[in-house]
Amino acid sequence: MLVSRVIDGDTVELEDGRKLRYIGIDTPELVHPDKATECFAKEAMEENKRLVDGKTVRLESDVSETDRYGRLLRYVSVENTMVNDTLVRQGFAHASTYPPDVKYSQQFLEAEKEARENSRGLWGGCPSNTTPEVRFLQAPGLQPGALEERDFGAGQSSCVIKGNISSSGEKIYHVPGCGSYEKTSIDESKGEQWFCTEDDAFTAGWRKAKNCPEETPVIEPVAETPAQAAPPEPTPPVIPPTTPHPPAASREAGSGSARKHSSFLGIIGNILLFVVLFGVGIWLSTIIRQYLPTGLGQGTQPIEETEPRPTARVTPTPTDPYRGWQVYQVISSATRQPVGISFKLPADVLSPICDGTSCMSQGTYLSGGTRFTVALRGPGMALRDFRGRVITDVNGTEFTTTDTTVVGRTAVNFTGNFSGRTVAGYAFTRMHGYMVEVSDTLSLEINHFTPAGITADFEIDHMVFESVVKSLTFEGYPGATQKGAIIPTKPPTATPSGY
């Protein structure tokens, strides 16, 4: 593809009219409506012209296809020189990483360190530069490449919150998306400053601008205040009916002797009633026993047992563990066509894309941040069959290996907890995968790893990865069952291929 115009230090226009933004780097601002050209912006643009203007370039993609402005996101090379790396290594750009496009993040970080230690370019010519680290854009609403449209100073690409001081002296911070964010400029000489997180701004004494989008509030239960009940109507007093009473003197006279007499008679009456009832009960019992069959009442007669009726067994309907997952085909690097091997990924995982122009492997990122990779190996492929070779990273560091089976096929389990690099150029700090025999000459590699410089939840992703491995199917490749479990069979051994 031919470059028809250089726009600035990290943006060009291609011959078909599309604009392209370099992945993983950030050069000083050349044009901004609210501020002067930043230090070394013109030099960066001139160097970019020298490298690519009017030349045919080779483009390499990562995970994202375009940024929010519709610009292509690519790594750009002229012959054997990667322009992204050259601009950082010579001090014309900062390393500025925007996940998930992190394929060369470690390489760019090392290039920036080399430029800084040797005071190249802006590191020697711009005194305001501080020692930066690899930058990861985390501000909501911003996408890779959005920094050219924002009011950030050199070295501020990861701290996007503007701490402004109003004319009345009130400290107010603005995040991307706030109504006044675009027109707010920061003058550090007045005490205004940039913040990397809202917590930092709040701790420093700033409050959030009122015209920022409201977050979904947490609805707390509200204790209901009981309504003031109307006082109950007074209940009219119950006036008992008037009963004629004898004169008080008459009631009092003789009341004591009457109570004593009635109490004694009541006791005698109750005793006599109990005796009579007891006698009647015995008499009735004797009469009834004369008419009952012999043995009745001597105990409960045994009940004849009957055959129990069989209960129908209810078989639970099995649930599909891969419900909602998407099916993907493994692509041959020789033909760019499916080869009959498929696997499944959760619906929230992006579709795998080719790694490099040769499509030596397909990759994507799992939800925990690790990178998932699958590749066909053998004659005619970009990668050789693993059998007969020791499994190492590109620098020769060996993985720990174990013979096993995957979905019924002979395989090798390999694990590495060290800093290494893949054939596709990814630096990693931890990796786990399988080499699976497909036929006499073909094999399949499937793995996931933590990219260097990235914080990922490897353990959570590893559970997903094992489910992905179990979903593998091999259509048209005899000699193994279509699906199965991962079963270790032998102790660790160092075998197959140079990864």
Protein backbone atom coordinates (compact mmCIF):
# COMPACT_ATOMS: atom_id res chain seq x y z
CA MET A 1 0.00 0.00 0.00
CA LEU A 2 1.35 3.44 -0.99
CA VAL A 3 1.47 6.38 1.48
CA SER A 4 0.18 9.48 -0.33
CA ARG A 5 0.45 12.02 2.53
CA VAL A 6 1.98 12.36 6.01
CA ILE A 7 -0.41 14.14 8.39
CA ASP A 8 1.78 14.25 11.51
CA GLY A 9 4.29 12.13 13.40
CA ASP A 10 2.02 9.10 13.82
CA THR A 11 -0.75 9.52 11.22
CA VAL A 12 -0.66 9.12 7.42
CA GLU A 13 -3.06 8.98 4.49
CA LEU A 14 -2.97 6.02 2.07
CA GLU A 15 -3.40 6.14 -1.70
CA ASP A 16 -7.02 4.98 -1.40
CA GLY A 17 -7.87 7.99 0.81
CA ARG A 18 -8.03 6.14 4.12
CA LYS A 19 -6.26 7.61 7.14
CA LEU A 20 -4.03 5.36 9.23
CA ARG A 21 -2.91 5.74 12.84
CA TYR A 22 0.25 3.94 14.03
CA ILE A 23 -0.43 1.43 16.84
CA GLY A 24 1.40 1.58 20.15
CA ILE A 25 3.08 4.99 19.90
CA ASP A 26 2.24 8.68 20.46
CA THR A 27 4.14 11.65 18.99
CA PRO A 28 3.94 15.27 20.27
CA GLU A 29 0.92 17.31 19.10
CA LEU A 30 1.55 19.27 15.89
CA VAL A 31 -1.73 21.21 15.61
CA HIS A 32 -4.17 22.06 18.43
CA PRO A 33 -6.78 24.84 18.55
CA ASP A 34 -6.05 25.78 22.18
CA LYS A 35 -2.27 25.53 22.49
CA ALA A 36 1.02 25.93 20.67
CA THR A 37 2.78 23.14 18.82
CA GLU A 38 4.37 20.76 21.30
CA CYS A 39 8.12 20.26 21.56
CA PHE A 40 9.52 17.97 18.84
CA ALA A 41 6.19 17.69 16.97
CA LYS A 42 7.63 19.12 13.73
CA GLU A 43 10.73 16.94 13.98
CA ALA A 44 8.54 13.86 14.46
CA MET A 45 6.49 14.74 11.37
CA GLU A 46 9.64 15.29 9.28
CA GLU A 47 11.07 11.95 10.40
CA ASN A 48 7.78 10.23 9.55
CA LYS A 49 7.93 11.83 6.07
CA ARG A 50 11.49 10.59 5.58
CA LEU A 51 10.46 7.06 6.50
CA VAL A 52 7.17 6.60 4.59
CA ASP A 53 6.13 9.53 2.37
CA GLY A 54 5.51 8.28 -1.19
CA LYS A 55 6.70 4.78 -0.30
CA THR A 56 5.03 1.40 -0.43
CA VAL A 57 4.48 0.08 3.09
CA ARG A 58 3.49 -3.25 4.59
CA LEU A 59 0.60 -3.11 7.08
CA GLU A 60 0.13 -5.43 10.06
CA SER A 61 -3.01 -5.42 12.20
CA ASP A 62 -3.61 -6.27 15.85
CA VAL A 63 -7.00 -6.80 17.55
CA SER A 64 -8.71 -3.47 16.73
CA GLU A 65 -9.43 -2.67 13.09
CA THR A 66 -10.08 1.10 13.46
CA ASP A 67 -10.28 3.76 16.16
CA ARG A 68 -13.35 5.86 17.06
CA TYR A 69 -12.57 8.29 14.22
CA GLY A 70 -12.57 5.55 11.57
CA ARG A 71 -8.79 5.57 11.10
CA LEU A 72 -7.07 2.25 10.40
CA LEU A 73 -4.92 0.99 13.27
CA ARG A 74 -1.78 -0.73 11.98
CA TYR A 75 1.88 -1.51 12.51
CA VAL A 76 3.67 -0.06 9.45
CA SER A 77 6.88 -1.40 7.92
CA VAL A 78 9.04 -0.28 5.00
CA GLU A 79 10.99 -3.28 3.74
CA ASN A 80 12.43 -4.77 6.98
CA THR A 81 12.03 -1.64 9.15
CA MET A 82 9.03 -1.18 11.43
CA VAL A 83 8.22 2.54 11.45
CA ASN A 84 6.42 2.41 14.84
CA ASP A 85 9.52 1.00 16.55
CA THR A 86 11.91 3.37 14.73
CA LEU A 87 10.04 6.51 15.78
CA VAL A 88 10.12 5.44 19.46
CA ARG A 89 13.70 4.15 19.39
CA GLN A 90 15.03 7.39 17.83
CA GLY A 91 13.18 9.58 20.36
CA PHE A 92 10.45 10.99 18.11
CA ALA A 93 7.56 9.26 19.95
CA HIS A 94 6.51 7.79 23.29
CA ALA A 95 5.53 4.16 23.74
CA SER A 96 1.76 4.41 24.33
CA THR A 97 -0.16 1.14 24.61
CA TYR A 98 -3.94 0.86 24.23
CA PRO A 99 -5.31 -2.64 25.08
CA PRO A 100 -6.21 -4.89 23.46
CA ASP A 101 -3.62 -3.87 20.81
CA VAL A 102 -0.52 -4.97 22.77
CA LYS A 103 1.37 -7.24 20.38
CA TYR A 104 4.59 -5.18 20.46
CA SER A 105 4.05 -3.27 23.74
CA GLN A 106 7.13 -4.76 25.40
CA GLN A 107 9.27 -4.08 22.32
CA PHE A 108 8.16 -0.41 22.22
CA LEU A 109 8.81 -0.04 25.95
CA GLU A 110 12.38 -1.31 25.50
CA ALA A 111 12.83 1.04 22.52
CA GLU A 112 11.67 4.02 24.61
CA LYS A 113 14.02 3.07 27.43
CA GLU A 114 16.93 2.97 24.96
CA ALA A 115 16.01 6.40 23.54
CA ARG A 116 15.62 7.93 27.00
CA GLU A 117 18.91 6.53 28.35
CA ASN A 118 20.74 7.92 25.30
CA SER A 119 18.90 11.30 25.36
CA ARG A 120 17.71 10.87 21.78
CA GLY A 121 15.20 13.21 20.17
CA LEU A 122 12.62 14.66 22.55
CA TRP A 123 14.36 13.03 25.54
CA GLY A 124 17.31 15.36 25.02
CA GLY A 125 15.60 18.29 23.37
CA CYS A 126 12.45 18.72 25.47
CA PRO A 127 13.28 19.46 29.13
CA SER A 128 9.65 19.00 30.26
CA ASN A 129 9.72 15.28 29.53
CA THR A 130 9.60 13.07 32.58
CA THR A 131 10.42 9.41 32.78
CA PRO A 132 7.26 7.68 31.54
CA GLU A 133 6.10 4.10 31.74
CA VAL A 134 4.13 2.18 29.15
CA ARG A 135 0.80 3.99 28.93
CA PHE A 136 -2.58 2.25 28.98
CA LEU A 137 -5.58 4.37 28.09
CA GLN A 138 -8.37 3.67 30.58
CA ALA A 139 -10.56 6.77 30.32
CA PRO A 140 -14.20 5.89 29.46
CA GLY A 141 -15.27 6.86 25.97
CA LEU A 142 -11.75 7.16 24.52
CA GLN A 143 -10.36 4.73 21.95
CA PRO A 144 -6.86 4.16 20.57
CA GLY A 145 -5.77 7.21 18.62
CA ALA A 146 -8.11 9.62 20.39
CA LEU A 147 -5.30 11.55 22.06
CA GLU A 148 -4.64 13.67 18.97
CA GLU A 149 -8.04 15.29 19.46
CA ARG A 150 -7.50 15.95 23.21
CA ASP A 151 -5.76 18.72 25.12
CA PHE A 152 -2.91 16.67 26.65
CA GLY A 153 0.67 17.73 27.15
CA ALA A 154 3.69 15.61 26.31
CA GLY A 155 3.94 12.60 28.58
CA GLN A 156 0.34 12.98 29.80
CA SER A 157 -1.38 10.40 27.61
CA SER A 158 -2.40 8.14 30.51
CA CYS A 159 -3.62 10.93 32.83
CA VAL A 160 -6.67 12.36 31.07
CA ILE A 161 -8.61 14.01 33.90
CA LYS A 162 -8.38 17.84 33.89
CA GLY A 163 -8.10 19.53 37.29
CA ASN A 164 -9.32 23.08 36.63
CA ILE A 165 -9.53 26.03 39.06
CA SER A 166 -12.50 28.31 38.38
CA SER A 167 -12.44 32.13 38.54
CA SER A 168 -13.91 31.91 42.03
CA GLY A 169 -11.09 29.61 43.15
CA GLU A 170 -13.18 26.42 43.22
CA LYS A 171 -11.32 23.24 42.23
CA ILE A 172 -13.31 21.24 39.65
CA TYR A 173 -12.17 18.21 37.65
CA HIS A 174 -13.47 17.15 34.22
CA VAL A 175 -13.34 13.63 32.76
CA PRO A 176 -13.70 12.82 29.04
CA GLY A 177 -17.39 13.07 28.23
CA CYS A 178 -18.13 15.99 30.56
CA GLY A 179 -19.85 18.94 28.89
CA SER A 180 -16.93 21.35 29.47
CA TYR A 181 -14.10 18.86 28.94
CA GLU A 182 -13.22 19.92 25.38
CA LYS A 183 -13.04 23.66 26.12
CA THR A 184 -11.20 23.31 29.44
CA SER A 185 -7.45 24.03 29.28
CA ILE A 186 -4.95 23.31 32.03
CA ASP A 187 -2.49 25.99 33.17
CA GLU A 188 -0.11 24.30 35.62
CA SER A 189 1.40 27.68 36.58
CA LYS A 190 -1.93 28.54 38.25
CA GLY A 191 -1.99 25.33 40.26
CA GLU A 192 -4.15 23.43 37.78
CA GLN A 193 -3.10 19.85 37.08
CA TRP A 194 -3.78 16.53 35.38
CA PHE A 195 -5.04 13.46 37.24
CA CYS A 196 -4.86 9.80 36.27
CA THR A 197 -7.89 8.67 38.31
CA GLU A 198 -10.95 10.32 39.80
CA ASP A 199 -9.83 9.08 43.24
CA ASP A 200 -6.59 11.06 42.83
CA ALA A 201 -8.55 14.20 41.95
CA PHE A 202 -10.99 13.80 44.84
CA THR A 203 -8.17 13.16 47.32
CA ALA A 204 -6.37 16.29 46.12
CA GLY A 205 -9.44 18.44 46.89
CA TRP A 206 -11.17 18.65 43.50
CA ARG A 207 -14.85 17.95 42.95
CA LYS A 208 -16.42 16.51 39.79
CA ALA A 209 -18.00 18.93 37.31
CA LYS A 210 -21.79 19.07 37.46
CA ASN A 211 -22.21 18.72 33.68
CA CYS A 212 -20.61 15.26 33.59
CA PRO A 213 -22.81 12.30 32.63
CA GLU A 214 -24.48 10.84 35.68
CA GLU A 215 -23.56 7.30 36.62
CA THR A 216 -26.31 4.84 37.43
CA PRO A 217 -27.11 5.56 41.08
CA VAL A 218 -27.06 2.85 43.69
CA ILE A 219 -30.58 2.61 44.98
CA GLU A 220 -30.48 2.21 48.72
CA PRO A 221 -33.49 0.92 50.59
CA VAL A 222 -35.33 3.78 52.26
CA ALA A 223 -36.86 3.21 55.66
CA GLU A 224 -40.48 4.16 55.38
CA THR A 225 -41.76 6.73 57.85
CA PRO A 226 -45.10 5.54 59.07
CA ALA A 227 -47.91 7.93 58.23
CA GLN A 228 -49.43 9.81 61.10
CA ALA A 229 -52.53 7.84 61.86
CA ALA A 230 -55.64 9.74 62.74
CA PRO A 231 -56.43 9.38 66.42
CA PRO A 232 -59.01 6.67 66.94
CA GLU A 233 -62.49 7.79 67.64
CA PRO A 234 -63.32 7.41 71.28
CA THR A 235 -65.23 4.24 71.98
CA PRO A 236 -68.49 5.02 73.71
CA PRO A 237 -68.51 3.51 77.15
CA VAL A 238 -70.55 0.33 77.53
CA ILE A 239 -73.12 0.91 80.14
CA PRO A 240 -74.35 -2.39 81.54
CA PRO A 241 -78.07 -2.73 81.90
CA THR A 242 -79.39 -1.71 85.22
CA THR A 243 -80.28 -4.73 87.32
CA PRO A 244 -82.29 -4.37 90.43
CA HIS A 245 -80.27 -5.28 93.50
CA PRO A 246 -81.49 -6.11 96.90
CA PRO A 247 -80.66 -3.68 99.61
CA ALA A 248 -76.99 -3.80 100.62
CA ALA A 249 -77.74 -4.91 104.10
CA SER A 250 -79.69 -7.94 102.81
CA ARG A 251 -76.86 -9.09 100.41
CA GLU A 252 -74.23 -8.92 103.05
CA ALA A 253 -76.29 -10.80 105.55
CA GLY A 254 -75.93 -14.59 105.11
CA SER A 255 -73.55 -14.45 102.04
CA GLY A 256 -70.71 -16.21 103.87
CA SER A 257 -72.73 -19.19 105.04
CA ALA A 258 -74.31 -19.65 101.57
CA ARG A 259 -70.91 -19.83 99.82
CA LYS A 260 -69.59 -22.46 102.27
CA HIS A 261 -72.67 -24.66 101.88
CA SER A 262 -72.66 -24.62 98.07
CA SER A 263 -68.92 -25.40 97.89
CA PHE A 264 -69.23 -28.54 100.06
CA LEU A 265 -72.21 -29.87 98.10
CA GLY A 266 -70.35 -29.34 94.79
CA ILE A 267 -67.43 -31.53 95.91
CA ILE A 268 -69.67 -34.36 97.06
CA GLY A 269 -71.62 -34.23 93.80
CA ASN A 270 -68.51 -34.48 91.62
CA ILE A 271 -67.21 -37.53 93.53
CA LEU A 272 -70.52 -39.36 93.16
CA LEU A 273 -70.67 -38.57 89.43
CA PHE A 274 -67.16 -39.97 88.86
CA VAL A 275 -67.98 -43.22 90.71
CA VAL A 276 -71.17 -43.74 88.72
CA LEU A 277 -69.48 -43.12 85.37
CA PHE A 278 -66.59 -45.46 86.23
CA GLY A 279 -68.98 -48.27 87.09
CA VAL A 280 -70.99 -47.79 83.92
CA GLY A 281 -67.76 -47.95 81.88
CA ILE A 282 -66.73 -51.30 83.40
CA TRP A 283 -70.20 -52.75 82.82
CA LEU A 284 -70.26 -51.67 79.16
CA SER A 285 -66.77 -53.09 78.57
CA THR A 286 -67.86 -56.52 79.89
CA ILE A 287 -70.95 -56.58 77.66
CA ILE A 288 -69.01 -55.61 74.51
CA ARG A 289 -66.30 -58.27 75.01
CA GLN A 290 -68.96 -61.01 75.01
CA TYR A 291 -69.95 -60.16 71.43
CA LEU A 292 -66.47 -59.60 69.89
CA PRO A 293 -64.56 -62.42 67.99
CA THR A 294 -61.91 -64.21 69.99
CA GLY A 295 -58.46 -62.66 69.70
CA LEU A 296 -59.64 -59.28 68.53
CA GLY A 297 -57.89 -56.63 70.46
CA GLN A 298 -55.04 -59.03 71.43
CA GLY A 299 -52.77 -57.31 68.93
CA THR A 300 -52.73 -55.97 65.40
CA GLN A 301 -53.16 -58.70 62.80
CA PRO A 302 -50.34 -58.89 60.18
CA ILE A 303 -51.14 -57.23 56.88
CA GLU A 304 -50.41 -59.20 53.75
CA GLU A 305 -47.53 -57.63 51.87
CA THR A 306 -48.06 -56.74 48.24
CA GLU A 307 -45.54 -56.19 45.48
CA PRO A 308 -44.55 -52.50 45.33
CA ARG A 309 -45.38 -50.77 42.08
CA PRO A 310 -42.29 -49.73 40.15
CA THR A 311 -41.67 -45.94 40.12
CA ALA A 312 -40.79 -44.42 36.79
CA ARG A 313 -37.20 -43.06 36.84
CA VAL A 314 -36.96 -39.40 35.85
CA THR A 315 -33.75 -38.74 33.93
CA PRO A 316 -32.64 -35.09 34.19
CA THR A 317 -32.15 -33.35 30.87
CA PRO A 318 -28.43 -32.59 30.48
CA THR A 319 -27.57 -28.94 29.98
CA ASP A 320 -25.19 -27.92 27.22
CA PRO A 321 -22.06 -26.36 28.83
CA TYR A 322 -21.34 -24.56 25.54
CA ARG A 323 -24.76 -22.97 25.16
CA GLY A 324 -24.34 -19.51 23.61
CA TRP A 325 -20.68 -20.10 22.62
CA GLN A 326 -19.54 -19.35 19.07
CA VAL A 327 -17.92 -21.91 16.75
CA TYR A 328 -14.72 -20.95 14.88
CA GLN A 329 -12.65 -22.76 12.23
CA VAL A 330 -8.86 -23.18 12.28
CA ILE A 331 -7.34 -21.52 9.18
CA SER A 332 -4.43 -22.92 7.17
CA SER A 333 -1.56 -20.44 6.79
CA ALA A 334 -0.86 -21.98 3.37
CA THR A 335 -4.35 -21.62 1.83
CA ARG A 336 -6.13 -19.20 4.22
CA GLN A 337 -9.02 -21.72 4.19
CA PRO A 338 -10.64 -23.80 6.99
CA VAL A 339 -9.09 -27.24 7.45
CA GLY A 340 -11.96 -29.06 9.20
CA ILE A 341 -10.82 -28.35 12.77
CA SER A 342 -13.14 -26.22 14.89
CA PHE A 343 -13.35 -24.92 18.45
CA LYS A 344 -15.77 -22.85 20.54
CA LEU A 345 -15.30 -19.53 22.38
CA PRO A 346 -17.61 -17.66 24.80
CA ALA A 347 -19.88 -15.11 23.17
CA ASP A 348 -18.17 -12.19 24.94
CA VAL A 349 -14.77 -13.00 23.37
CA LEU A 350 -13.85 -11.22 20.13
CA SER A 351 -13.41 -13.30 16.97
CA PRO A 352 -9.83 -14.56 16.45
CA ILE A 353 -7.80 -12.81 13.74
CA CYS A 354 -4.60 -13.69 11.89
CA ASP A 355 -1.28 -12.96 13.61
CA GLY A 356 1.00 -11.33 11.03
CA THR A 357 0.70 -11.20 7.27
CA SER A 358 1.46 -14.92 6.94
CA CYS A 359 -1.44 -15.83 9.26
CA MET A 360 0.86 -18.27 11.06
CA SER A 361 -1.70 -18.35 13.89
CA GLN A 362 -5.07 -16.95 14.92
CA GLY A 363 -5.51 -15.11 18.18
CA THR A 364 -7.80 -13.09 20.42
CA TYR A 365 -8.04 -12.07 24.09
CA LEU A 366 -10.00 -13.97 26.73
CA SER A 367 -12.09 -12.00 29.22
CA GLY A 368 -9.39 -12.08 31.93
CA GLY A 369 -6.78 -10.43 29.68
CA THR A 370 -4.70 -13.41 28.51
CA ARG A 371 -4.14 -13.93 24.78
CA PHE A 372 -5.56 -17.10 23.18
CA THR A 373 -3.75 -18.54 20.14
CA VAL A 374 -4.36 -21.50 17.83
CA ALA A 375 -2.16 -22.56 14.90
CA LEU A 376 -1.85 -25.43 12.42
CA ARG A 377 1.72 -26.79 12.12
CA GLY A 378 3.27 -28.99 9.43
CA PRO A 379 4.40 -29.11 5.77
CA GLY A 380 3.41 -25.99 3.85
CA MET A 381 2.44 -24.12 7.04
CA ALA A 382 4.25 -21.14 8.53
CA LEU A 383 5.11 -23.26 11.60
CA ARG A 384 6.74 -26.71 11.54
CA ASP A 385 5.28 -29.86 13.08
CA PHE A 386 6.30 -30.18 16.74
CA ARG A 387 7.21 -33.88 16.69
CA GLY A 388 10.90 -34.61 17.09
CA ARG A 389 11.66 -31.15 18.47
CA VAL A 390 12.07 -29.58 21.90
CA ILE A 391 9.35 -27.07 22.82
CA THR A 392 10.97 -23.69 23.54
CA ASP A 393 10.21 -20.02 23.16
CA VAL A 394 11.85 -18.07 20.34
CA ASN A 395 14.89 -17.41 22.55
CA GLY A 396 15.45 -21.12 23.24
CA THR A 397 14.07 -21.31 26.81
CA GLU A 398 12.49 -24.75 27.26
CA PHE A 399 8.94 -25.33 28.49
CA THR A 400 8.01 -28.01 31.02
CA THR A 401 6.22 -30.74 29.05
CA THR A 402 4.02 -33.76 29.78
CA ASP A 403 2.67 -36.43 27.42
CA THR A 404 -1.14 -36.46 27.46
CA THR A 405 -4.19 -36.85 25.23
CA VAL A 406 -6.58 -34.14 24.03
CA VAL A 407 -10.05 -35.18 22.78
CA GLY A 408 -8.70 -38.69 22.29
CA ARG A 409 -5.58 -37.65 20.36
CA THR A 410 -1.96 -37.95 21.36
CA ALA A 411 -0.70 -34.60 22.62
CA VAL A 412 1.95 -32.80 24.67
CA ASN A 413 1.06 -30.39 27.48
CA PHE A 414 3.60 -27.52 27.78
CA THR A 415 3.87 -24.88 30.53
CA GLY A 416 6.20 -21.92 31.04
CA ASN A 417 6.38 -19.51 34.00
CA PHE A 418 9.17 -17.31 32.65
CA SER A 419 9.61 -14.16 30.56
CA GLY A 420 9.83 -15.20 26.93
CA ARG A 421 8.73 -14.33 23.42
CA THR A 422 6.61 -16.11 20.81
CA VAL A 423 7.36 -16.60 17.11
CA ALA A 424 4.68 -13.98 16.37
CA GLY A 425 6.64 -11.45 18.45
CA TYR A 426 4.57 -11.40 21.65
CA ALA A 427 6.51 -11.02 24.91
CA PHE A 428 4.91 -13.07 27.69
CA THR A 429 5.37 -13.87 31.38
CA ARG A 430 3.32 -17.07 31.64
CA MET A 431 2.02 -19.59 29.09
CA HIS A 432 0.17 -22.89 28.99
CA GLY A 433 -0.84 -24.92 25.95
CA TYR A 434 -1.06 -28.19 24.03
CA MET A 435 0.55 -29.63 20.89
CA VAL A 436 -2.01 -32.09 19.42
CA GLU A 437 -1.29 -34.67 16.73
CA VAL A 438 -3.81 -34.30 13.87
CA SER A 439 -2.35 -36.65 11.25
CA ASP A 440 1.01 -38.20 10.41
CA THR A 441 2.33 -34.82 9.26
CA LEU A 442 0.02 -32.17 10.75
CA SER A 443 -0.35 -31.01 14.34
CA LEU A 444 -2.35 -28.32 16.13
CA GLU A 445 -0.98 -25.87 18.68
CA ILE A 446 -3.44 -24.22 21.11
CA ASN A 447 -2.36 -22.02 24.03
CA HIS A 448 -3.00 -18.91 26.10
CA PHE A 449 -0.50 -16.60 27.77
CA THR A 450 -0.15 -13.39 29.78
CA PRO A 451 1.38 -10.64 27.59
CA ALA A 452 4.31 -8.83 29.21
CA GLY A 453 3.33 -5.54 30.81
CA ILE A 454 -0.32 -6.57 31.19
CA THR A 455 -2.11 -7.52 34.41
CA ALA A 456 -4.31 -10.52 33.58
CA ASP A 457 -6.32 -13.06 35.59
CA PHE A 458 -4.56 -16.15 34.29
CA GLU A 459 -6.37 -18.62 36.59
CA ILE A 460 -9.87 -17.50 35.56
CA ASP A 461 -8.92 -17.54 31.87
CA HIS A 462 -7.29 -20.96 32.29
CA MET A 463 -10.63 -22.53 33.26
CA VAL A 464 -12.17 -21.05 30.11
CA PHE A 465 -9.17 -22.21 28.06
CA GLU A 466 -9.54 -25.84 29.23
CA SER A 467 -13.21 -25.75 28.16
CA VAL A 468 -12.15 -24.38 24.76
CA VAL A 469 -9.67 -27.27 24.37
CA LYS A 470 -12.38 -29.81 25.21
CA SER A 471 -14.61 -28.29 22.50
CA LEU A 472 -12.12 -29.14 19.70
CA THR A 473 -13.52 -31.23 16.85
CA PHE A 474 -11.56 -32.82 14.00
CA GLU A 475 -13.66 -33.50 10.88
CA GLY A 476 -12.08 -35.82 8.33
CA TYR A 477 -9.06 -36.77 10.45
CA PRO A 478 -9.39 -40.45 11.43
CA GLY A 479 -7.63 -42.17 14.28
CA ALA A 480 -9.30 -40.47 17.27
CA THR A 481 -12.66 -39.76 18.78
CA GLN A 482 -14.24 -36.45 17.91
CA LYS A 483 -14.53 -35.17 21.48
CA GLY A 484 -13.24 -36.15 24.92
CA ALA A 485 -11.35 -35.11 28.01
CA ILE A 486 -7.77 -34.00 28.64
CA ILE A 487 -6.09 -37.00 30.34
CA PRO A 488 -2.45 -36.91 31.59
CA THR A 489 -0.69 -40.20 30.77
CA LYS A 490 3.06 -39.84 31.47
CA PRO A 491 5.46 -37.89 33.73
CA PRO A 492 7.06 -34.62 32.47
CA THR A 493 9.34 -34.93 29.50
CA ALA A 494 11.02 -32.46 27.12
CA THR A 495 9.77 -33.16 23.59
CA PRO A 496 8.46 -31.63 20.34
CA SER A 497 8.88 -28.33 18.51
CA GLY A 498 10.55 -24.92 18.78
CA TYR A 499 7.66 -22.59 19.56
